[in-house]
Amino acid sequence: MTGAANPHISLRKDGPFYRVQPIPADALPPSIRQSETHIGHLSATMAAKVLSQASGLPIVDYTVKAIGQ
């Protein structure tokens, strides 16, 4: 997967939820390092965007196929 080797903000579908997390986990300071769980794609995308803007890390969205399934 593209971007998997470089630090990034990961957006994934995990069952009925969406997960937003930094990869690797120590790519962000401890104060904002925790993963986030969202019910909807829009809120997860917005959270990933805020983290990306604050950290400068790119977002790698692995949900593109998951949404269409």
Protein backbone atom coordinates (compact mmCIF):
# COMPACT_ATOMS: atom_id res chain seq x y z
CA MET A 1 0.00 0.00 0.00
CA THR A 2 1.24 3.43 -0.86
CA GLY A 3 2.39 5.49 2.08
CA ALA A 4 2.51 2.56 4.51
CA ALA A 5 6.28 2.87 5.03
CA ASN A 6 6.23 6.63 5.66
CA PRO A 7 4.69 8.40 8.67
CA HIS A 8 1.08 9.32 7.90
CA ILE A 9 -2.43 9.64 9.26
CA SER A 10 -4.28 6.41 8.49
CA LEU A 11 -8.03 6.43 7.80
CA ARG A 12 -9.48 2.89 7.79
CA LYS A 13 -12.83 1.16 7.95
CA ASP A 14 -12.93 -1.37 10.79
CA GLY A 15 -16.26 -3.20 10.78
CA PRO A 16 -18.99 -0.60 11.24
CA PHE A 17 -16.50 2.03 12.46
CA TYR A 18 -13.82 4.25 10.97
CA ARG A 19 -10.42 4.53 12.63
CA VAL A 20 -8.08 7.50 12.44
CA GLN A 21 -4.57 6.90 13.74
CA PRO A 22 -0.99 8.01 13.20
CA ILE A 23 1.31 5.44 11.61
CA PRO A 24 3.71 4.75 13.27
CA ALA A 25 2.08 5.50 16.62
CA ASP A 26 5.03 7.64 17.74
CA ALA A 27 4.78 9.90 14.67
CA LEU A 28 2.80 12.39 16.78
CA PRO A 29 3.45 13.80 20.26
CA PRO A 30 1.95 11.75 23.13
CA SER A 31 -0.66 14.42 23.86
CA ILE A 32 -2.45 13.74 20.53
CA ARG A 33 -1.21 10.24 19.74
CA GLN A 34 -4.31 8.13 20.55
CA SER A 35 -6.40 6.49 17.87
CA GLU A 36 -9.88 7.81 17.23
CA THR A 37 -13.00 5.81 16.42
CA HIS A 38 -15.82 7.34 14.40
CA ILE A 39 -19.24 6.11 13.36
CA GLY A 40 -19.30 8.05 10.11
CA HIS A 41 -16.85 8.58 7.27
CA LEU A 42 -17.35 12.35 7.27
CA SER A 43 -16.38 12.82 10.93
CA ALA A 44 -13.39 10.49 10.51
CA THR A 45 -12.24 12.38 7.43
CA MET A 46 -12.56 15.72 9.24
CA ALA A 47 -10.59 14.39 12.23
CA ALA A 48 -7.86 13.07 9.92
CA LYS A 49 -7.72 16.46 8.19
CA VAL A 50 -7.33 18.31 11.51
CA LEU A 51 -4.51 15.95 12.57
CA SER A 52 -2.86 16.32 9.18
CA GLN A 53 -3.00 20.10 9.30
CA ALA A 54 -1.64 20.17 12.87
CA SER A 55 1.15 17.67 12.24
CA GLY A 56 2.02 18.13 8.59
CA LEU A 57 1.60 14.38 8.00
CA PRO A 58 -0.26 13.25 4.88
CA ILE A 59 -3.53 11.33 5.09
CA VAL A 60 -3.63 7.85 3.60
CA ASP A 61 -7.28 6.95 3.09
CA TYR A 62 -7.76 3.19 2.97
CA THR A 63 -11.58 3.54 2.92
CA VAL A 64 -11.99 4.31 -0.76
CA LYS A 65 -12.87 0.70 -1.65
CA ALA A 66 -14.57 0.05 1.71
CA ILE A 67 -17.18 2.78 1.12
CA GLY A 68 -18.25 1.32 -2.22
CA GLN A 69 -18.65 -2.21 -0.88
